[in-house]
Amino acid sequence: MPALLTPDLITGIVSFLLTLMILSYLVGDNPAFRVAIYIFVGVSAGYAAAVTWWQWLYPRLMLPLLNGNLTGRLFSMIAIVLGIFLLMKISTRTSALGDPAIAFLVGVSAAVAVGGALMGTIIPQTQAAIHLFDLSGAGANWLTRLFFGTIMLIGTITTLVYFHFGTKSTSHGPQRNKLVIILGRVGQIFIAITLGALFAGVFSAALMALIERINFIWAFFAKLL
């Protein structure tokens, strides 16, 4: 290998070419962009497979099965059997054998989702809303704290009301309560503000990534020349 072709130079050239292939999407879908996407998907799949094996399957399944106690081997065997049943979903003839594994996955996923939403979102948000009305240690800023706490409480209540779709029967057909409609419109404003802030955050992150790539190309040519 020539002395000029150092590992850093090779890495920089590959990164530069991949960056150009991705940016070529600005002029439309093309084979170069597709090749870059295929490489990205392949590398991501390989990395995910390696992480799954070394951090989950090998330490949590193979090691307990080979070197663990009776309880560990029993749980490992159950996991292997469920995995084999899950593979039976590939064929329509043996698809019914995979139903217990699917039911187990759905049940565990639902429990984790509900527990995560309850412990990670609902309870902390409720505590945060209550904490804003604790004026014991607010000092001179108690009015500001009370103002922001009220805004947060109104936003939370009206947003929840917006997703209330209950109606009552009237002579003109099913209609929503007028108070619910008014509060729902206020909640819609808070939802729009939240989505706007999220979009601004995503746009800022994408813009920073673009700036980083342009800076990389500039630094690469500056170092090369």
Protein backbone atom coordinates (compact mmCIF):
# COMPACT_ATOMS: atom_id res chain seq x y z
CA MET A 1 0.00 0.00 0.00
CA PRO A 2 1.44 3.42 -0.90
CA ALA A 3 2.40 5.61 1.99
CA LEU A 4 -0.25 8.19 1.03
CA LEU A 5 -3.11 5.69 1.40
CA THR A 6 -3.34 5.76 5.15
CA PRO A 7 -6.34 4.24 6.99
CA ASP A 8 -7.58 7.74 7.83
CA LEU A 9 -7.43 8.76 4.18
CA ILE A 10 -9.28 5.64 3.04
CA THR A 11 -11.95 6.18 5.69
CA GLY A 12 -12.28 9.81 4.66
CA ILE A 13 -12.66 8.91 0.97
CA VAL A 14 -15.32 6.29 1.72
CA SER A 15 -17.20 8.69 3.99
CA PHE A 16 -16.98 11.43 1.38
CA LEU A 17 -18.33 9.17 -1.37
CA LEU A 18 -21.18 7.91 0.82
CA THR A 19 -22.06 11.48 1.76
CA LEU A 20 -22.23 12.49 -1.89
CA MET A 21 -24.33 9.41 -2.68
CA ILE A 22 -26.84 10.36 0.00
CA LEU A 23 -26.90 14.02 -1.02
CA SER A 24 -27.53 12.96 -4.63
CA TYR A 25 -31.16 12.40 -3.59
CA LEU A 26 -31.56 16.17 -3.84
CA VAL A 27 -31.70 15.77 -7.63
CA GLY A 28 -34.07 12.80 -7.44
CA ASP A 29 -34.04 9.08 -6.80
CA ASN A 30 -31.01 7.47 -8.44
CA PRO A 31 -28.91 4.26 -8.27
CA ALA A 32 -26.15 5.92 -6.21
CA PHE A 33 -28.61 6.87 -3.47
CA ARG A 34 -30.11 3.38 -3.51
CA VAL A 35 -26.69 1.75 -3.15
CA ALA A 36 -25.92 3.99 -0.17
CA ILE A 37 -29.25 3.09 1.43
CA TYR A 38 -28.63 -0.63 0.84
CA ILE A 39 -25.21 -0.32 2.48
CA PHE A 40 -26.73 1.55 5.43
CA VAL A 41 -29.49 -1.03 5.88
CA GLY A 42 -27.04 -3.92 5.60
CA VAL A 43 -24.59 -2.44 8.09
CA SER A 44 -27.43 -1.60 10.49
CA ALA A 45 -28.82 -5.13 10.25
CA GLY A 46 -25.38 -6.64 10.85
CA TYR A 47 -24.75 -4.35 13.81
CA ALA A 48 -28.17 -5.16 15.29
CA ALA A 49 -27.53 -8.89 14.86
CA ALA A 50 -24.13 -8.62 16.55
CA VAL A 51 -25.54 -6.59 19.45
CA THR A 52 -28.43 -9.05 19.83
CA TRP A 53 -26.06 -12.02 19.98
CA TRP A 54 -23.38 -10.61 22.31
CA GLN A 55 -25.67 -8.68 24.67
CA TRP A 56 -28.79 -10.87 24.75
CA LEU A 57 -28.67 -14.32 23.20
CA TYR A 58 -25.20 -15.39 24.33
CA PRO A 59 -25.15 -14.05 27.93
CA ARG A 60 -28.86 -14.51 28.69
CA LEU A 61 -29.65 -17.69 26.76
CA MET A 62 -26.57 -19.73 25.89
CA LEU A 63 -24.55 -19.21 29.08
CA PRO A 64 -27.44 -20.07 31.44
CA LEU A 65 -28.21 -23.11 29.29
CA LEU A 66 -24.62 -24.38 29.37
CA ASN A 67 -23.30 -23.23 32.75
CA GLY A 68 -26.36 -22.17 34.73
CA ASN A 69 -28.29 -23.87 37.49
CA LEU A 70 -31.47 -25.88 37.02
CA THR A 71 -33.74 -22.83 37.09
CA GLY A 72 -31.62 -20.97 34.54
CA ARG A 73 -31.54 -23.96 32.20
CA LEU A 74 -35.30 -24.40 32.51
CA PHE A 75 -36.00 -20.79 31.54
CA SER A 76 -33.50 -21.03 28.68
CA MET A 77 -35.22 -24.15 27.36
CA ILE A 78 -38.61 -22.42 27.54
CA ALA A 79 -37.21 -19.47 25.56
CA ILE A 80 -35.71 -21.79 22.93
CA VAL A 81 -38.97 -23.72 22.57
CA LEU A 82 -40.96 -20.49 22.17
CA GLY A 83 -38.43 -19.30 19.59
CA ILE A 84 -38.81 -22.53 17.62
CA PHE A 85 -42.59 -22.21 17.76
CA LEU A 86 -42.27 -18.62 16.53
CA LEU A 87 -40.32 -19.84 13.50
CA MET A 88 -43.27 -22.11 12.67
CA LYS A 89 -45.18 -18.98 11.59
CA ILE A 90 -43.12 -19.08 8.38
CA SER A 91 -45.30 -21.84 6.96
CA THR A 92 -49.08 -21.74 6.77
CA ARG A 93 -49.27 -25.43 7.66
CA THR A 94 -47.45 -24.98 10.98
CA SER A 95 -48.58 -21.42 11.65
CA ALA A 96 -50.89 -22.47 14.50
CA LEU A 97 -47.89 -23.74 16.51
CA GLY A 98 -46.55 -20.20 16.70
CA ASP A 99 -49.69 -18.73 18.25
CA PRO A 100 -48.56 -19.36 21.88
CA ALA A 101 -45.28 -17.54 21.23
CA ILE A 102 -47.10 -14.65 19.57
CA ALA A 103 -49.58 -14.46 22.46
CA PHE A 104 -46.70 -14.41 24.94
CA LEU A 105 -44.91 -11.62 23.04
CA VAL A 106 -48.09 -9.53 22.72
CA GLY A 107 -48.93 -9.96 26.40
CA VAL A 108 -45.45 -9.02 27.60
CA SER A 109 -45.25 -6.09 25.16
CA ALA A 110 -48.64 -4.77 26.30
CA ALA A 111 -47.65 -5.07 29.95
CA VAL A 112 -44.35 -3.27 29.34
CA ALA A 113 -46.09 -0.54 27.30
CA VAL A 114 -48.79 0.05 29.91
CA GLY A 115 -46.28 -0.02 32.77
CA GLY A 116 -43.93 2.32 30.91
CA ALA A 117 -46.72 4.76 30.09
CA LEU A 118 -47.98 4.71 33.66
CA MET A 119 -44.64 4.93 35.49
CA GLY A 120 -42.75 6.95 32.88
CA THR A 121 -45.35 9.41 31.61
CA ILE A 122 -48.66 9.65 33.47
CA ILE A 123 -47.44 9.59 37.07
CA PRO A 124 -44.38 11.86 36.47
CA GLN A 125 -46.53 14.34 34.54
CA THR A 126 -49.12 14.37 37.30
CA GLN A 127 -46.43 14.90 39.93
CA ALA A 128 -44.87 17.70 37.85
CA ALA A 129 -48.23 19.44 37.50
CA ILE A 130 -48.82 19.17 41.26
CA HIS A 131 -45.28 20.30 42.07
CA LEU A 132 -45.77 23.58 40.18
CA PHE A 133 -48.53 24.54 42.63
CA ASP A 134 -46.28 23.98 45.65
CA LEU A 135 -45.57 27.61 46.54
CA SER A 136 -43.88 26.91 49.88
CA GLY A 137 -40.37 27.39 48.49
CA ALA A 138 -41.17 29.67 45.56
CA GLY A 139 -40.26 32.90 47.38
CA ALA A 140 -40.76 36.05 45.34
CA ASN A 141 -41.42 34.02 42.19
CA TRP A 142 -44.63 32.46 43.47
CA LEU A 143 -46.78 34.41 41.00
CA THR A 144 -44.69 33.29 38.00
CA ARG A 145 -44.71 29.72 39.22
CA LEU A 146 -48.46 29.80 39.74
CA PHE A 147 -48.94 31.24 36.24
CA PHE A 148 -46.90 28.52 34.52
CA GLY A 149 -48.53 25.85 36.65
CA THR A 150 -51.97 27.06 35.62
CA ILE A 151 -50.99 27.10 31.93
CA MET A 152 -49.63 23.56 32.22
CA LEU A 153 -52.76 22.34 34.02
CA ILE A 154 -55.05 23.94 31.43
CA GLY A 155 -53.02 22.44 28.60
CA THR A 156 -53.13 18.96 30.13
CA ILE A 157 -56.87 19.03 30.84
CA THR A 158 -57.91 20.53 27.50
CA THR A 159 -55.67 18.14 25.57
CA LEU A 160 -57.30 15.18 27.30
CA VAL A 161 -60.73 16.67 26.64
CA TYR A 162 -59.89 16.98 22.93
CA PHE A 163 -59.64 13.19 22.73
CA HIS A 164 -63.04 12.74 24.39
CA PHE A 165 -65.39 11.62 21.62
CA GLY A 166 -68.48 10.86 23.70
CA THR A 167 -71.81 12.20 22.46
CA LYS A 168 -75.36 12.33 23.72
CA SER A 169 -78.52 11.64 21.78
CA THR A 170 -80.66 14.65 20.92
CA SER A 171 -83.55 15.37 18.60
CA HIS A 172 -80.98 16.54 16.00
CA GLY A 173 -78.86 13.41 16.32
CA PRO A 174 -75.72 12.66 18.38
CA GLN A 175 -74.05 15.86 19.56
CA ARG A 176 -71.11 16.66 21.80
CA ASN A 177 -71.43 18.85 24.84
CA LYS A 178 -70.70 22.52 24.07
CA LEU A 179 -68.26 22.80 26.97
CA VAL A 180 -66.39 19.75 25.69
CA ILE A 181 -66.21 21.32 22.22
CA ILE A 182 -64.81 24.60 23.59
CA LEU A 183 -62.24 22.88 25.80
CA GLY A 184 -61.33 20.55 22.94
CA ARG A 185 -60.57 23.52 20.68
CA VAL A 186 -58.30 24.97 23.35
CA GLY A 187 -56.60 21.59 23.63
CA GLN A 188 -56.19 21.56 19.86
CA ILE A 189 -54.17 24.77 20.16
CA PHE A 190 -51.87 23.15 22.71
CA ILE A 191 -51.49 20.09 20.49
CA ALA A 192 -50.60 22.30 17.52
CA ILE A 193 -47.98 24.14 19.59
CA THR A 194 -46.52 20.81 20.75
CA LEU A 195 -46.35 19.38 17.23
CA GLY A 196 -44.80 22.62 15.98
CA ALA A 197 -42.12 22.43 18.67
CA LEU A 198 -41.43 18.78 17.83
CA PHE A 199 -41.16 19.58 14.13
CA ALA A 200 -38.79 22.46 14.89
CA GLY A 201 -36.64 20.12 16.96
CA VAL A 202 -36.52 17.50 14.21
CA PHE A 203 -35.77 20.15 11.58
CA SER A 204 -32.99 21.61 13.74
CA ALA A 205 -31.45 18.17 14.23
CA ALA A 206 -31.58 17.47 10.48
CA LEU A 207 -30.08 20.88 9.74
CA MET A 208 -27.25 20.27 12.21
CA ALA A 209 -26.56 16.91 10.56
CA LEU A 210 -26.41 18.60 7.16
CA ILE A 211 -24.06 21.28 8.47
CA GLU A 212 -21.85 18.58 10.02
CA ARG A 213 -21.64 16.71 6.69
CA ILE A 214 -20.81 19.89 4.74
CA ASN A 215 -18.18 20.77 7.32
CA PHE A 216 -16.76 17.24 7.00
CA ILE A 217 -16.47 17.58 3.21
CA TRP A 218 -14.80 20.97 3.58
CA ALA A 219 -12.35 19.70 6.22
CA PHE A 220 -11.60 16.59 4.15
CA PHE A 221 -10.61 18.63 1.09
CA ALA A 222 -8.69 21.14 3.22
CA LYS A 223 -6.69 18.32 4.81
CA LEU A 224 -6.19 16.57 1.46
CA LEU A 225 -4.92 19.69 -0.28
